Amino acid sequence: MSARLEGEGSARAERLSGGLDRPTLVVAGVAILAAARVLRPDAGRADAGALNWLGAALLCPGLAGIVFGLSETESHGGIGRSGGRVSLRR
């Protein structure tokens, strides 16, 4: 049973660390260079106001929680499973 748990743990670690491979970094680099070339630094609204720091601080963990929850749905039976209080299956 411990071998099974080790396999699941290593698969999860591989899935979490596998997002930054070479093609992803190349596409990100090209996008950053294209944006720096195309976008003007003075573009935007003159009355943009200050950054909402509380909103930014709450947005980051909220989005991370949504992405984590969606990534874990399959390992817990999917969205249609009726193990919770609300089921999407009719």
C-alpha atoms as a PDB file:
ATOM      1  CA  MET A   1       0.000   0.000   0.000  1.00  0.00           C
ATOM      2  CA  SER A   2       2.874   2.406   0.672  1.00  0.00           C
ATOM      3  CA  ALA A   3       4.130   1.906  -2.893  1.00  0.00           C
ATOM      4  CA  ARG A   4       0.711   2.987  -4.131  1.00  0.00           C
ATOM      5  CA  LEU A   5       0.838   6.125  -1.999  1.00  0.00           C
ATOM      6  CA  GLU A   6       4.362   6.911  -3.168  1.00  0.00           C
ATOM      7  CA  GLY A   7       3.226   6.558  -6.780  1.00  0.00           C
ATOM      8  CA  GLU A   8       0.300   8.914  -6.227  1.00  0.00           C
ATOM      9  CA  GLY A   9       2.515  11.457  -4.464  1.00  0.00           C
ATOM     10  CA  SER A  10       5.155  11.423  -7.168  1.00  0.00           C
ATOM     11  CA  ALA A  11       2.491  11.716  -9.879  1.00  0.00           C
ATOM     12  CA  ARG A  12       0.990  14.727  -8.107  1.00  0.00           C
ATOM     13  CA  ALA A  13       4.436  16.341  -7.689  1.00  0.00           C
ATOM     14  CA  GLU A  14       5.191  15.718 -11.364  1.00  0.00           C
ATOM     15  CA  ARG A  15       1.848  17.253 -12.362  1.00  0.00           C
ATOM     16  CA  LEU A  16       2.431  20.336 -10.219  1.00  0.00           C
ATOM     17  CA  SER A  17       6.002  20.931 -11.387  1.00  0.00           C
ATOM     18  CA  GLY A  18       5.408  20.083 -15.046  1.00  0.00           C
ATOM     19  CA  GLY A  19       3.917  23.445 -16.020  1.00  0.00           C
ATOM     20  CA  LEU A  20       7.173  25.272 -16.809  1.00  0.00           C
ATOM     21  CA  ASP A  21       8.726  23.350 -19.659  1.00  0.00           C
ATOM     22  CA  ARG A  22      10.739  24.835 -22.521  1.00  0.00           C
ATOM     23  CA  PRO A  23       7.851  25.526 -24.983  1.00  0.00           C
ATOM     24  CA  THR A  24       5.889  27.316 -22.260  1.00  0.00           C
ATOM     25  CA  LEU A  25       8.837  29.549 -21.436  1.00  0.00           C
ATOM     26  CA  VAL A  26       9.460  30.305 -25.125  1.00  0.00           C
ATOM     27  CA  VAL A  27       5.824  31.308 -25.671  1.00  0.00           C
ATOM     28  CA  ALA A  28       5.889  33.453 -22.516  1.00  0.00           C
ATOM     29  CA  GLY A  29       9.091  35.164 -23.651  1.00  0.00           C
ATOM     30  CA  VAL A  30       7.715  35.890 -27.120  1.00  0.00           C
ATOM     31  CA  ALA A  31       4.503  37.285 -25.588  1.00  0.00           C
ATOM     32  CA  ILE A  32       6.435  39.569 -23.234  1.00  0.00           C
ATOM     33  CA  LEU A  33       8.665  40.859 -26.042  1.00  0.00           C
ATOM     34  CA  ALA A  34       5.669  41.422 -28.334  1.00  0.00           C
ATOM     35  CA  ALA A  35       3.780  43.261 -25.594  1.00  0.00           C
ATOM     36  CA  ALA A  36       6.787  45.473 -24.835  1.00  0.00           C
ATOM     37  CA  ARG A  37       7.079  46.331 -28.516  1.00  0.00           C
ATOM     38  CA  VAL A  38       3.378  46.899 -29.262  1.00  0.00           C
ATOM     39  CA  LEU A  39       2.031  48.479 -26.082  1.00  0.00           C
ATOM     40  CA  ARG A  40       2.819  52.106 -25.381  1.00  0.00           C
ATOM     41  CA  PRO A  41       3.846  53.049 -21.835  1.00  0.00           C
ATOM     42  CA  ASP A  42       1.637  56.147 -21.854  1.00  0.00           C
ATOM     43  CA  ALA A  43      -1.498  54.267 -22.961  1.00  0.00           C
ATOM     44  CA  GLY A  44      -4.308  53.998 -20.455  1.00  0.00           C
ATOM     45  CA  ARG A  45      -6.657  56.189 -18.539  1.00  0.00           C
ATOM     46  CA  ALA A  46      -5.376  59.387 -17.009  1.00  0.00           C
ATOM     47  CA  ASP A  47      -7.733  59.008 -14.042  1.00  0.00           C
ATOM     48  CA  ALA A  48      -7.006  55.357 -13.302  1.00  0.00           C
ATOM     49  CA  GLY A  49      -6.670  55.932  -9.565  1.00  0.00           C
ATOM     50  CA  ALA A  50      -4.766  53.892  -7.026  1.00  0.00           C
ATOM     51  CA  LEU A  51      -4.411  50.142  -7.050  1.00  0.00           C
ATOM     52  CA  ASN A  52      -6.935  48.305  -4.888  1.00  0.00           C
ATOM     53  CA  TRP A  53      -4.453  46.411  -2.703  1.00  0.00           C
ATOM     54  CA  LEU A  54      -7.113  44.597  -0.663  1.00  0.00           C
ATOM     55  CA  GLY A  55      -8.809  43.357  -3.824  1.00  0.00           C
ATOM     56  CA  ALA A  56      -5.499  42.203  -5.288  1.00  0.00           C
ATOM     57  CA  ALA A  57      -4.581  40.424  -2.051  1.00  0.00           C
ATOM     58  CA  LEU A  58      -7.936  38.611  -1.965  1.00  0.00           C
ATOM     59  CA  LEU A  59      -7.994  37.829  -5.670  1.00  0.00           C
ATOM     60  CA  CYS A  60      -4.752  35.823  -5.717  1.00  0.00           C
ATOM     61  CA  PRO A  61      -5.659  33.167  -3.102  1.00  0.00           C
ATOM     62  CA  GLY A  62      -9.235  33.071  -4.424  1.00  0.00           C
ATOM     63  CA  LEU A  63      -8.111  32.197  -7.943  1.00  0.00           C
ATOM     64  CA  ALA A  64      -5.586  29.705  -6.597  1.00  0.00           C
ATOM     65  CA  GLY A  65      -8.364  28.007  -4.613  1.00  0.00           C
ATOM     66  CA  ILE A  66     -10.633  27.786  -7.654  1.00  0.00           C
ATOM     67  CA  VAL A  67      -7.858  26.342  -9.838  1.00  0.00           C
ATOM     68  CA  PHE A  68      -6.882  23.842  -7.134  1.00  0.00           C
ATOM     69  CA  GLY A  69     -10.500  22.793  -6.626  1.00  0.00           C
ATOM     70  CA  LEU A  70     -11.048  22.265 -10.328  1.00  0.00           C
ATOM     71  CA  SER A  71      -7.813  20.305 -10.660  1.00  0.00           C
ATOM     72  CA  GLU A  72      -8.835  17.977  -7.819  1.00  0.00           C
ATOM     73  CA  THR A  73     -12.392  17.219  -9.005  1.00  0.00           C
ATOM     74  CA  GLU A  74     -11.373  14.270 -11.148  1.00  0.00           C
ATOM     75  CA  SER A  75      -9.464  12.572  -8.327  1.00  0.00           C
ATOM     76  CA  HIS A  76     -12.591  12.795  -6.153  1.00  0.00           C
ATOM     77  CA  GLY A  77     -15.046  11.338  -8.637  1.00  0.00           C
ATOM     78  CA  GLY A  78     -15.708  14.266 -10.958  1.00  0.00           C
ATOM     79  CA  ILE A  79     -18.364  16.951 -10.970  1.00  0.00           C
ATOM     80  CA  GLY A  80     -21.330  14.595 -11.415  1.00  0.00           C
ATOM     81  CA  ARG A  81     -20.587  12.544  -8.284  1.00  0.00           C
ATOM     82  CA  SER A  82     -23.330  12.837  -5.677  1.00  0.00           C
ATOM     83  CA  GLY A  83     -21.093  12.573  -2.617  1.00  0.00           C
ATOM     84  CA  GLY A  84     -21.777  16.130  -1.498  1.00  0.00           C
ATOM     85  CA  ARG A  85     -24.932  18.039  -0.740  1.00  0.00           C
ATOM     86  CA  VAL A  86     -25.451  19.274  -4.283  1.00  0.00           C
ATOM     87  CA  SER A  87     -25.338  17.039  -7.350  1.00  0.00           C
ATOM     88  CA  LEU A  88     -25.238  18.294 -10.918  1.00  0.00           C
ATOM     89  CA  ARG A  89     -26.608  14.984 -12.222  1.00  0.00           C
ATOM     90  CA  ARG A  90     -30.367  14.676 -12.821  1.00  0.00           C
END
